[in-house]
Amino acid sequence: RLSRRGRTIIFSIHQPRYSIFKLFDSLTLLASGKVLYHGPAKHALEYFSSIGYECEPFNNPADFFLDVINGDSTAVAASKEDHGPVNTGKVTEDNVDSSVVDVLHQKYLSSSLYQSTKEALGKVELRRGSKQRLSKQEHEITYANGFFTQLYWVSKRSLKNLIRNPQASIAQIAVTVILALVVGAIFFGVKLDRSGIQNRVGSLFFVTTNQCFSSVSAIELFIRDKKLFV
């Protein structure tokens, strides 16, 4: 629903089911820090077929890609039989065959998909280099909405999180009630004399200090949410 409203969705997922995979427009396959494929998701099977890896009928494409990368697919076995013995190389800690990853990475670097991506990135760099040096004002971070709009939505989001996770709120209320009972018991029955005034000042100082320090933790919530927002 978000994508239909014009949003760009970046989805990092491991072994998705087919009903999720078929919704992808662009697909990037990574292994051991190397790109094995980047391009339209609907053309991924055609690309792997063109380099000698056929997806078995009724197999989930995501499972097929993982099998190819891990080197334990029937397509990989068939490819090795057709092209002769292949040195399997070292197997990494993540059970990824390093030789297969290197071969797939080199095949991608020599493909038209990589060349088109490289050309597109080159055009972006040229446009960026041709622009004049930006002023300091243009480097400042600007937002489409003002401070109070941001404060409203962040506060609403935090309130929803508190409502949906009542355990933390219950614990805070319990601690506040216990402290109130302790302070009330200590300063119960204070007399209206000089010592009573000093006792009241002490109780007010203790309550004020406790409220200030208990409210400091709320700042962390806004800092963490602001990082996520930015």
Protein backbone atom coordinates (compact mmCIF):
# COMPACT_ATOMS: atom_id res chain seq x y z
CA ARG A 1 0.00 0.00 0.00
CA LEU A 2 2.87 2.39 0.75
CA SER A 3 4.51 1.71 -2.62
CA ARG A 4 1.25 2.42 -4.44
CA ARG A 5 1.19 5.84 -2.76
CA GLY A 6 4.53 6.70 -4.37
CA ARG A 7 6.87 5.64 -1.57
CA THR A 8 10.17 3.91 -2.27
CA ILE A 9 10.50 0.73 -0.20
CA ILE A 10 13.97 -0.68 0.54
CA PHE A 11 13.48 -4.23 1.79
CA SER A 12 16.38 -6.24 3.24
CA ILE A 13 15.10 -9.79 3.48
CA HIS A 14 16.52 -13.31 3.61
CA GLN A 15 14.74 -16.11 1.72
CA PRO A 16 11.30 -14.50 1.22
CA ARG A 17 8.33 -16.58 0.07
CA TYR A 18 7.20 -16.22 -3.52
CA SER A 19 4.15 -14.08 -2.73
CA ILE A 20 6.53 -11.47 -1.27
CA PHE A 21 9.24 -11.89 -3.89
CA LYS A 22 6.90 -11.25 -6.82
CA LEU A 23 6.07 -7.78 -5.41
CA PHE A 24 9.68 -6.60 -5.81
CA ASP A 25 10.52 -4.22 -8.67
CA SER A 26 14.29 -4.07 -8.24
CA LEU A 27 16.43 -6.85 -6.79
CA THR A 28 19.98 -6.82 -5.41
CA LEU A 29 21.73 -10.07 -4.43
CA LEU A 30 24.73 -9.81 -2.10
CA ALA A 31 27.15 -12.44 -0.82
CA SER A 32 30.41 -11.93 1.12
CA GLY A 33 30.18 -8.19 0.45
CA LYS A 34 29.99 -8.63 -3.34
CA VAL A 35 27.12 -7.80 -5.69
CA LEU A 36 25.94 -10.86 -7.65
CA TYR A 37 22.94 -9.24 -9.28
CA HIS A 38 21.31 -5.84 -9.41
CA GLY A 39 18.43 -5.09 -11.71
CA PRO A 40 14.72 -5.76 -12.31
CA ALA A 41 13.45 -8.64 -10.17
CA LYS A 42 11.43 -10.11 -13.04
CA HIS A 43 14.60 -10.47 -15.13
CA ALA A 44 16.67 -12.18 -12.41
CA LEU A 45 15.79 -15.73 -13.47
CA GLU A 46 16.52 -14.89 -17.11
CA TYR A 47 19.92 -13.51 -16.11
CA PHE A 48 20.88 -16.61 -14.13
CA SER A 49 19.63 -18.80 -16.96
CA SER A 50 21.87 -16.88 -19.38
CA ILE A 51 24.96 -17.66 -17.26
CA GLY A 52 24.12 -21.37 -16.92
CA TYR A 53 21.95 -21.63 -13.81
CA GLU A 54 18.43 -22.92 -14.56
CA CYS A 55 15.75 -22.64 -11.91
CA GLU A 56 13.95 -25.93 -11.36
CA PRO A 57 10.18 -25.98 -12.05
CA PHE A 58 7.98 -24.99 -9.08
CA ASN A 59 11.01 -23.76 -7.12
CA ASN A 60 10.89 -20.50 -5.19
CA PRO A 61 13.25 -18.02 -6.94
CA ALA A 62 14.56 -16.76 -3.60
CA ASP A 63 15.43 -20.33 -2.53
CA PHE A 64 17.02 -20.94 -5.93
CA PHE A 65 19.24 -17.85 -5.61
CA LEU A 66 20.41 -18.91 -2.15
CA ASP A 67 21.10 -22.44 -3.40
CA VAL A 68 23.18 -21.05 -6.26
CA ILE A 69 25.20 -18.81 -3.93
CA ASN A 70 25.73 -21.60 -1.39
CA GLY A 71 26.78 -24.01 -4.15
CA ASP A 72 24.37 -26.81 -3.21
CA SER A 73 21.77 -26.45 -5.95
CA THR A 74 21.02 -29.07 -8.59
CA ALA A 75 21.49 -26.24 -11.11
CA VAL A 76 25.02 -25.69 -9.82
CA ALA A 77 25.73 -29.43 -9.95
CA ALA A 78 24.47 -29.60 -13.53
CA SER A 79 26.54 -26.56 -14.46
CA LYS A 80 29.67 -28.15 -13.02
CA GLU A 81 29.01 -31.38 -14.95
CA ASP A 82 28.60 -29.46 -18.21
CA HIS A 83 31.71 -27.31 -17.77
CA GLY A 84 33.93 -29.88 -16.11
CA PRO A 85 35.24 -30.00 -12.52
CA VAL A 86 35.34 -26.71 -10.71
CA ASN A 87 37.55 -25.93 -7.73
CA THR A 88 35.15 -25.37 -4.85
CA GLY A 89 37.62 -23.15 -3.00
CA LYS A 90 37.23 -22.24 0.66
CA VAL A 91 33.87 -22.22 2.40
CA THR A 92 33.28 -19.21 4.63
CA GLU A 93 31.71 -19.20 8.06
CA ASP A 94 28.31 -18.40 6.55
CA ASN A 95 28.41 -21.61 4.44
CA VAL A 96 28.89 -19.55 1.27
CA ASP A 97 31.18 -21.08 -1.37
CA SER A 98 33.76 -18.36 -2.00
CA SER A 99 34.64 -19.64 -5.48
CA VAL A 100 31.00 -19.60 -6.60
CA VAL A 101 30.60 -16.06 -5.23
CA ASP A 102 33.70 -14.88 -7.10
CA VAL A 103 32.51 -16.47 -10.35
CA LEU A 104 29.03 -14.96 -10.06
CA HIS A 105 30.50 -11.56 -9.16
CA GLN A 106 32.79 -11.57 -12.20
CA LYS A 107 29.94 -12.63 -14.47
CA TYR A 108 27.84 -9.75 -13.13
CA LEU A 109 30.69 -7.26 -13.69
CA SER A 110 30.85 -8.36 -17.34
CA SER A 111 27.08 -8.21 -17.85
CA SER A 112 25.04 -5.46 -19.52
CA LEU A 113 23.17 -4.87 -16.25
CA TYR A 114 26.35 -3.73 -14.55
CA GLN A 115 27.34 -1.55 -17.49
CA SER A 116 23.96 0.22 -17.54
CA THR A 117 24.10 0.78 -13.78
CA LYS A 118 27.64 2.12 -14.06
CA GLU A 119 26.62 4.52 -16.84
CA ALA A 120 23.66 5.79 -14.83
CA LEU A 121 25.88 6.41 -11.80
CA GLY A 122 28.43 8.15 -14.03
CA LYS A 123 25.78 10.55 -15.32
CA VAL A 124 24.77 11.36 -11.75
CA GLU A 125 28.40 12.10 -10.83
CA LEU A 126 28.81 14.33 -13.88
CA ARG A 127 25.69 16.34 -13.00
CA ARG A 128 26.90 16.67 -9.44
CA GLY A 129 30.35 17.80 -10.55
CA SER A 130 28.99 20.37 -12.99
CA LYS A 131 27.00 22.15 -10.32
CA GLN A 132 28.48 25.19 -8.65
CA ARG A 133 29.73 25.03 -5.11
CA LEU A 134 26.76 25.19 -2.78
CA SER A 135 26.54 27.86 -0.15
CA LYS A 136 26.53 27.07 3.54
CA GLN A 137 22.84 27.85 3.72
CA GLU A 138 22.04 25.20 1.11
CA HIS A 139 24.03 22.66 3.12
CA GLU A 140 21.81 23.14 6.15
CA ILE A 141 19.25 20.42 6.85
CA THR A 142 15.74 21.60 6.08
CA TYR A 143 12.42 19.87 6.65
CA ALA A 144 9.08 20.06 4.90
CA ASN A 145 7.29 20.58 8.23
CA GLY A 146 7.93 22.91 11.13
CA PHE A 147 9.15 22.11 14.62
CA PHE A 148 5.70 21.90 16.23
CA THR A 149 4.43 19.52 13.53
CA GLN A 150 7.44 17.29 14.14
CA LEU A 151 6.93 17.52 17.90
CA TYR A 152 3.25 16.57 17.52
CA TRP A 153 3.89 13.47 15.42
CA VAL A 154 6.88 12.29 17.47
CA SER A 155 4.88 12.74 20.69
CA LYS A 156 1.92 10.88 19.18
CA ARG A 157 4.20 8.04 18.10
CA SER A 158 5.80 7.84 21.56
CA LEU A 159 2.36 7.81 23.21
CA LYS A 160 1.28 4.92 20.98
CA ASN A 161 4.43 3.00 21.90
CA LEU A 162 3.68 3.52 25.60
CA ILE A 163 0.09 2.36 25.17
CA ARG A 164 1.14 -0.70 23.17
CA ASN A 165 3.83 -1.59 25.73
CA PRO A 166 2.10 -1.06 29.09
CA GLN A 167 4.67 -3.04 31.12
CA ALA A 168 7.11 -0.12 31.28
CA SER A 169 4.35 2.34 32.22
CA ILE A 170 3.06 0.04 34.96
CA ALA A 171 6.57 -0.26 36.40
CA GLN A 172 7.04 3.53 36.40
CA ILE A 173 3.68 4.05 38.11
CA ALA A 174 4.52 1.41 40.73
CA VAL A 175 7.89 3.07 41.50
CA THR A 176 6.23 6.50 41.76
CA VAL A 177 3.56 5.17 44.15
CA ILE A 178 6.16 3.46 46.36
CA LEU A 179 8.29 6.62 46.53
CA ALA A 180 5.21 8.69 47.34
CA LEU A 181 4.34 6.35 50.22
CA VAL A 182 7.92 6.45 51.54
CA VAL A 183 8.09 10.27 51.39
CA GLY A 184 4.63 10.56 52.89
CA ALA A 185 5.56 8.24 55.76
CA ILE A 186 8.79 10.12 56.50
CA PHE A 187 7.15 13.55 56.54
CA PHE A 188 3.84 12.47 58.03
CA GLY A 189 2.51 14.61 60.87
CA VAL A 190 4.90 17.55 60.45
CA LYS A 191 4.18 20.28 62.98
CA LEU A 192 3.55 23.96 62.22
CA ASP A 193 6.74 25.34 63.80
CA ARG A 194 10.30 26.26 62.76
CA SER A 195 11.45 22.64 62.46
CA GLY A 196 8.25 21.83 60.52
CA ILE A 197 9.07 24.51 57.97
CA GLN A 198 12.54 23.06 57.49
CA ASN A 199 11.06 19.58 57.11
CA ARG A 200 8.60 20.83 54.48
CA VAL A 201 11.46 22.49 52.56
CA GLY A 202 13.35 19.20 52.65
CA SER A 203 10.34 17.25 51.39
CA LEU A 204 9.71 19.73 48.56
CA PHE A 205 13.41 19.58 47.58
CA PHE A 206 13.35 15.77 47.55
CA VAL A 207 10.14 15.59 45.49
CA THR A 208 11.33 18.23 43.00
CA THR A 209 14.73 16.53 42.55
CA ASN A 210 13.08 13.14 42.08
CA GLN A 211 10.69 14.51 39.42
CA CYS A 212 13.52 16.24 37.54
CA PHE A 213 15.74 13.17 37.39
CA SER A 214 12.86 10.86 36.48
CA SER A 215 11.96 13.14 33.55
CA VAL A 216 15.50 13.18 32.12
CA SER A 217 14.98 9.71 30.64
CA ALA A 218 12.35 11.15 28.27
CA ILE A 219 15.08 13.13 26.46
CA GLU A 220 16.71 9.90 25.30
CA LEU A 221 13.44 8.85 23.64
CA PHE A 222 13.29 12.02 21.52
CA ILE A 223 16.99 11.79 20.60
CA ARG A 224 16.62 8.17 19.46
CA ASP A 225 13.41 8.87 17.52
CA LYS A 226 14.93 11.95 15.88
CA LYS A 227 17.86 9.87 14.59
CA LEU A 228 15.36 7.41 13.13
CA PHE A 229 13.34 10.27 11.62
CA VAL A 230 16.39 11.92 10.00
